[in-house]
Amino acid sequence: MSDLMEMEQLEPVEERTPVELKKLQQWHKTALSLLAQGLGRGAIAEACDCTPEYITMLAKQPVCQAYLKEMQEFADTRFQALTEQSVEAIADTLVNGGIEEKLKAARLQMEATGRVGKTQSINIKTSGGLVQILAGIPPESRRLAQE
């Protein structure tokens, strides 16, 4: 009971005013780059010679959020610029690849054009006998999947 009475007599701890960074130093940018690559707080803290708690605080800073958004926008732009190369790679695989590669390329093409979603399965009957087509089976020998 005396422990409980002592706890009640403790004064409340003052809350600290949160620190807000105004400008990022190079090591902050390095830490945020590692964060964007998916590294955990501990690994980032070790690489940047700080504590995991500091990495958490850093990630919450508005200036850091803006920097992370900027990096994401740049990555999105790079990804969009690769569209033509992706189309060429898929087309080449559909023409020259083995059956497994052709199936994967066809799946990517169908997802990219919205014919199937990432979680939807391909119905061979509604996709025009895709597997048979990719396997090079002549039309007269194809059998569509039974429902």
C-alpha atoms as a PDB file:
ATOM      1  CA  MET A   1       0.000   0.000   0.000  1.00  0.00           C
ATOM      2  CA  SER A   2       2.880   2.381   0.691  1.00  0.00           C
ATOM      3  CA  ASP A   3       4.101   1.947  -2.901  1.00  0.00           C
ATOM      4  CA  LEU A   4       0.711   3.036  -4.170  1.00  0.00           C
ATOM      5  CA  MET A   5       0.763   6.120  -1.957  1.00  0.00           C
ATOM      6  CA  GLU A   6       4.249   7.030  -3.197  1.00  0.00           C
ATOM      7  CA  MET A   7       3.101   6.736  -6.822  1.00  0.00           C
ATOM      8  CA  GLU A   8       0.219   9.090  -6.200  1.00  0.00           C
ATOM      9  CA  GLN A   9       2.570  11.696  -4.778  1.00  0.00           C
ATOM     10  CA  LEU A  10       4.810  11.829  -7.843  1.00  0.00           C
ATOM     11  CA  GLU A  11       4.600  14.973  -9.879  1.00  0.00           C
ATOM     12  CA  PRO A  12       3.684  14.679 -13.548  1.00  0.00           C
ATOM     13  CA  VAL A  13       6.553  14.691 -16.009  1.00  0.00           C
ATOM     14  CA  GLU A  14       6.703  17.724 -18.241  1.00  0.00           C
ATOM     15  CA  GLU A  15       6.094  16.999 -21.876  1.00  0.00           C
ATOM     16  CA  ARG A  16       8.847  18.153 -24.151  1.00  0.00           C
ATOM     17  CA  THR A  17       8.135  20.345 -27.101  1.00  0.00           C
ATOM     18  CA  PRO A  18       8.746  18.228 -30.166  1.00  0.00           C
ATOM     19  CA  VAL A  19      11.830  19.130 -32.157  1.00  0.00           C
ATOM     20  CA  GLU A  20      11.162  19.982 -35.772  1.00  0.00           C
ATOM     21  CA  LEU A  21      13.972  19.777 -38.275  1.00  0.00           C
ATOM     22  CA  LYS A  22      14.185  22.641 -40.724  1.00  0.00           C
ATOM     23  CA  LYS A  23      16.897  21.286 -43.021  1.00  0.00           C
ATOM     24  CA  LEU A  24      18.206  17.801 -43.709  1.00  0.00           C
ATOM     25  CA  GLN A  25      21.869  17.032 -43.408  1.00  0.00           C
ATOM     26  CA  GLN A  26      23.453  14.465 -45.716  1.00  0.00           C
ATOM     27  CA  TRP A  27      23.367  11.740 -43.064  1.00  0.00           C
ATOM     28  CA  HIS A  28      19.615  12.358 -42.620  1.00  0.00           C
ATOM     29  CA  LYS A  29      19.160  11.811 -46.350  1.00  0.00           C
ATOM     30  CA  THR A  30      21.230   8.631 -46.137  1.00  0.00           C
ATOM     31  CA  ALA A  31      19.078   7.350 -43.274  1.00  0.00           C
ATOM     32  CA  LEU A  32      15.890   8.160 -45.190  1.00  0.00           C
ATOM     33  CA  SER A  33      17.246   6.487 -48.307  1.00  0.00           C
ATOM     34  CA  LEU A  34      17.892   3.318 -46.289  1.00  0.00           C
ATOM     35  CA  LEU A  35      14.385   3.589 -44.842  1.00  0.00           C
ATOM     36  CA  ALA A  36      12.932   3.887 -48.353  1.00  0.00           C
ATOM     37  CA  GLN A  37      14.831   0.720 -49.301  1.00  0.00           C
ATOM     38  CA  GLY A  38      13.060  -1.165 -46.535  1.00  0.00           C
ATOM     39  CA  LEU A  39      15.774  -1.466 -43.903  1.00  0.00           C
ATOM     40  CA  GLY A  40      14.677  -1.664 -40.284  1.00  0.00           C
ATOM     41  CA  ARG A  41      15.294   0.982 -37.635  1.00  0.00           C
ATOM     42  CA  GLY A  42      18.106  -0.980 -36.011  1.00  0.00           C
ATOM     43  CA  ALA A  43      20.061  -1.469 -39.224  1.00  0.00           C
ATOM     44  CA  ILE A  44      19.621   2.181 -40.222  1.00  0.00           C
ATOM     45  CA  ALA A  45      20.633   3.365 -36.755  1.00  0.00           C
ATOM     46  CA  GLU A  46      23.760   1.213 -36.857  1.00  0.00           C
ATOM     47  CA  ALA A  47      24.703   2.453 -40.334  1.00  0.00           C
ATOM     48  CA  CYS A  48      24.122   6.097 -39.362  1.00  0.00           C
ATOM     49  CA  ASP A  49      25.559   5.895 -35.847  1.00  0.00           C
ATOM     50  CA  CYS A  50      22.411   6.906 -33.988  1.00  0.00           C
ATOM     51  CA  THR A  51      19.626   5.196 -32.049  1.00  0.00           C
ATOM     52  CA  PRO A  52      16.598   3.386 -33.482  1.00  0.00           C
ATOM     53  CA  GLU A  53      14.419   5.861 -31.585  1.00  0.00           C
ATOM     54  CA  TYR A  54      16.072   8.737 -33.447  1.00  0.00           C
ATOM     55  CA  ILE A  55      15.244   7.031 -36.752  1.00  0.00           C
ATOM     56  CA  THR A  56      11.599   6.803 -35.665  1.00  0.00           C
ATOM     57  CA  MET A  57      11.570  10.494 -34.744  1.00  0.00           C
ATOM     58  CA  LEU A  58      13.318  11.367 -38.001  1.00  0.00           C
ATOM     59  CA  ALA A  59      10.759   9.497 -40.105  1.00  0.00           C
ATOM     60  CA  LYS A  60       7.933  11.522 -38.508  1.00  0.00           C
ATOM     61  CA  GLN A  61       9.463  14.903 -39.339  1.00  0.00           C
ATOM     62  CA  PRO A  62       7.583  16.923 -41.998  1.00  0.00           C
ATOM     63  CA  VAL A  63      10.803  17.758 -43.849  1.00  0.00           C
ATOM     64  CA  CYS A  64      11.665  14.041 -43.912  1.00  0.00           C
ATOM     65  CA  GLN A  65       8.194  13.092 -45.127  1.00  0.00           C
ATOM     66  CA  ALA A  66       8.594  15.614 -47.954  1.00  0.00           C
ATOM     67  CA  TYR A  67      12.004  14.138 -48.854  1.00  0.00           C
ATOM     68  CA  LEU A  68      10.580  10.590 -48.873  1.00  0.00           C
ATOM     69  CA  LYS A  69       7.710  11.780 -51.100  1.00  0.00           C
ATOM     70  CA  GLU A  70      10.207  13.408 -53.466  1.00  0.00           C
ATOM     71  CA  MET A  71      12.189  10.150 -53.699  1.00  0.00           C
ATOM     72  CA  GLN A  72       8.971   8.216 -54.390  1.00  0.00           C
ATOM     73  CA  GLU A  73       7.937  10.631 -57.141  1.00  0.00           C
ATOM     74  CA  PHE A  74      11.362  10.275 -58.749  1.00  0.00           C
ATOM     75  CA  ALA A  75      11.123   6.461 -58.579  1.00  0.00           C
ATOM     76  CA  ASP A  76       7.616   6.620 -60.100  1.00  0.00           C
ATOM     77  CA  THR A  77       8.940   8.748 -62.966  1.00  0.00           C
ATOM     78  CA  ARG A  78      11.752   6.266 -63.608  1.00  0.00           C
ATOM     79  CA  PHE A  79       9.268   3.399 -63.521  1.00  0.00           C
ATOM     80  CA  GLN A  80       6.987   5.133 -66.047  1.00  0.00           C
ATOM     81  CA  ALA A  81       9.977   5.771 -68.315  1.00  0.00           C
ATOM     82  CA  LEU A  82      10.637   2.013 -68.451  1.00  0.00           C
ATOM     83  CA  THR A  83       7.211   1.249 -69.921  1.00  0.00           C
ATOM     84  CA  GLU A  84       8.509   0.949 -73.503  1.00  0.00           C
ATOM     85  CA  GLN A  85      11.302  -1.405 -72.411  1.00  0.00           C
ATOM     86  CA  SER A  86       8.806  -3.482 -70.439  1.00  0.00           C
ATOM     87  CA  VAL A  87       6.530  -3.784 -73.460  1.00  0.00           C
ATOM     88  CA  GLU A  88       9.477  -4.847 -75.636  1.00  0.00           C
ATOM     89  CA  ALA A  89      10.611  -7.436 -73.087  1.00  0.00           C
ATOM     90  CA  ILE A  90       7.103  -8.906 -72.789  1.00  0.00           C
ATOM     91  CA  ALA A  91       6.694  -8.971 -76.576  1.00  0.00           C
ATOM     92  CA  ASP A  92      10.076 -10.647 -77.048  1.00  0.00           C
ATOM     93  CA  THR A  93       9.271 -13.247 -74.396  1.00  0.00           C
ATOM     94  CA  LEU A  94       5.892 -13.992 -75.972  1.00  0.00           C
ATOM     95  CA  VAL A  95       7.627 -14.633 -79.282  1.00  0.00           C
ATOM     96  CA  ASN A  96      10.891 -16.266 -78.207  1.00  0.00           C
ATOM     97  CA  GLY A  97      10.399 -17.583 -74.669  1.00  0.00           C
ATOM     98  CA  GLY A  98       9.665 -21.054 -73.412  1.00  0.00           C
ATOM     99  CA  ILE A  99       6.167 -22.020 -72.279  1.00  0.00           C
ATOM    100  CA  GLU A 100       6.678 -20.912 -68.663  1.00  0.00           C
ATOM    101  CA  GLU A 101       8.145 -17.569 -69.719  1.00  0.00           C
ATOM    102  CA  LYS A 102       5.344 -17.074 -72.252  1.00  0.00           C
ATOM    103  CA  LEU A 103       2.715 -17.726 -69.601  1.00  0.00           C
ATOM    104  CA  LYS A 104       4.330 -15.239 -67.237  1.00  0.00           C
ATOM    105  CA  ALA A 105       4.646 -12.630 -69.999  1.00  0.00           C
ATOM    106  CA  ALA A 106       1.027 -13.150 -71.023  1.00  0.00           C
ATOM    107  CA  ARG A 107      -0.074 -12.762 -67.411  1.00  0.00           C
ATOM    108  CA  LEU A 108       1.871  -9.489 -67.108  1.00  0.00           C
ATOM    109  CA  GLN A 109       0.399  -8.204 -70.349  1.00  0.00           C
ATOM    110  CA  MET A 110      -3.132  -9.091 -69.253  1.00  0.00           C
ATOM    111  CA  GLU A 111      -2.631  -7.434 -65.854  1.00  0.00           C
ATOM    112  CA  ALA A 112      -1.166  -4.315 -67.471  1.00  0.00           C
ATOM    113  CA  THR A 113      -4.135  -3.987 -69.809  1.00  0.00           C
ATOM    114  CA  GLY A 114      -6.671  -4.695 -67.060  1.00  0.00           C
ATOM    115  CA  ARG A 115      -7.970  -7.932 -68.533  1.00  0.00           C
ATOM    116  CA  VAL A 116      -7.167  -9.709 -65.266  1.00  0.00           C
ATOM    117  CA  GLY A 117      -6.267  -8.413 -61.847  1.00  0.00           C
ATOM    118  CA  LYS A 118      -3.262  -9.489 -59.834  1.00  0.00           C
ATOM    119  CA  THR A 119      -5.448 -11.704 -57.645  1.00  0.00           C
ATOM    120  CA  GLN A 120      -7.764 -12.977 -60.372  1.00  0.00           C
ATOM    121  CA  SER A 121      -7.157 -16.295 -62.024  1.00  0.00           C
ATOM    122  CA  ILE A 122      -7.163 -16.612 -65.779  1.00  0.00           C
ATOM    123  CA  ASN A 123     -10.124 -18.564 -67.102  1.00  0.00           C
ATOM    124  CA  ILE A 124      -8.772 -20.436 -70.091  1.00  0.00           C
ATOM    125  CA  LYS A 125     -12.190 -20.642 -71.701  1.00  0.00           C
ATOM    126  CA  THR A 126     -12.740 -16.870 -71.560  1.00  0.00           C
ATOM    127  CA  SER A 127      -9.154 -16.033 -72.446  1.00  0.00           C
ATOM    128  CA  GLY A 128      -9.403 -17.860 -75.752  1.00  0.00           C
ATOM    129  CA  GLY A 129      -7.459 -20.966 -74.790  1.00  0.00           C
ATOM    130  CA  LEU A 130      -4.430 -18.938 -73.702  1.00  0.00           C
ATOM    131  CA  VAL A 131      -2.421 -21.915 -72.502  1.00  0.00           C
ATOM    132  CA  GLN A 132      -3.086 -23.866 -75.677  1.00  0.00           C
ATOM    133  CA  ILE A 133      -2.245 -20.861 -77.820  1.00  0.00           C
ATOM    134  CA  LEU A 134       1.018 -20.239 -75.976  1.00  0.00           C
ATOM    135  CA  ALA A 135       1.903 -23.912 -76.137  1.00  0.00           C
ATOM    136  CA  GLY A 136       1.619 -23.721 -79.916  1.00  0.00           C
ATOM    137  CA  ILE A 137      -1.247 -26.206 -80.143  1.00  0.00           C
ATOM    138  CA  PRO A 138      -3.020 -25.807 -83.487  1.00  0.00           C
ATOM    139  CA  PRO A 139      -6.597 -24.487 -83.274  1.00  0.00           C
ATOM    140  CA  GLU A 140      -8.137 -27.731 -84.468  1.00  0.00           C
ATOM    141  CA  SER A 141      -6.440 -29.656 -81.637  1.00  0.00           C
ATOM    142  CA  ARG A 142      -7.295 -27.274 -78.807  1.00  0.00           C
ATOM    143  CA  ARG A 143      -9.773 -28.208 -76.127  1.00  0.00           C
ATOM    144  CA  LEU A 144     -11.134 -25.424 -74.011  1.00  0.00           C
ATOM    145  CA  ALA A 145     -11.389 -26.004 -70.287  1.00  0.00           C
ATOM    146  CA  GLN A 146     -14.661 -27.483 -69.150  1.00  0.00           C
ATOM    147  CA  GLU A 147     -16.682 -25.361 -66.755  1.00  0.00           C
END
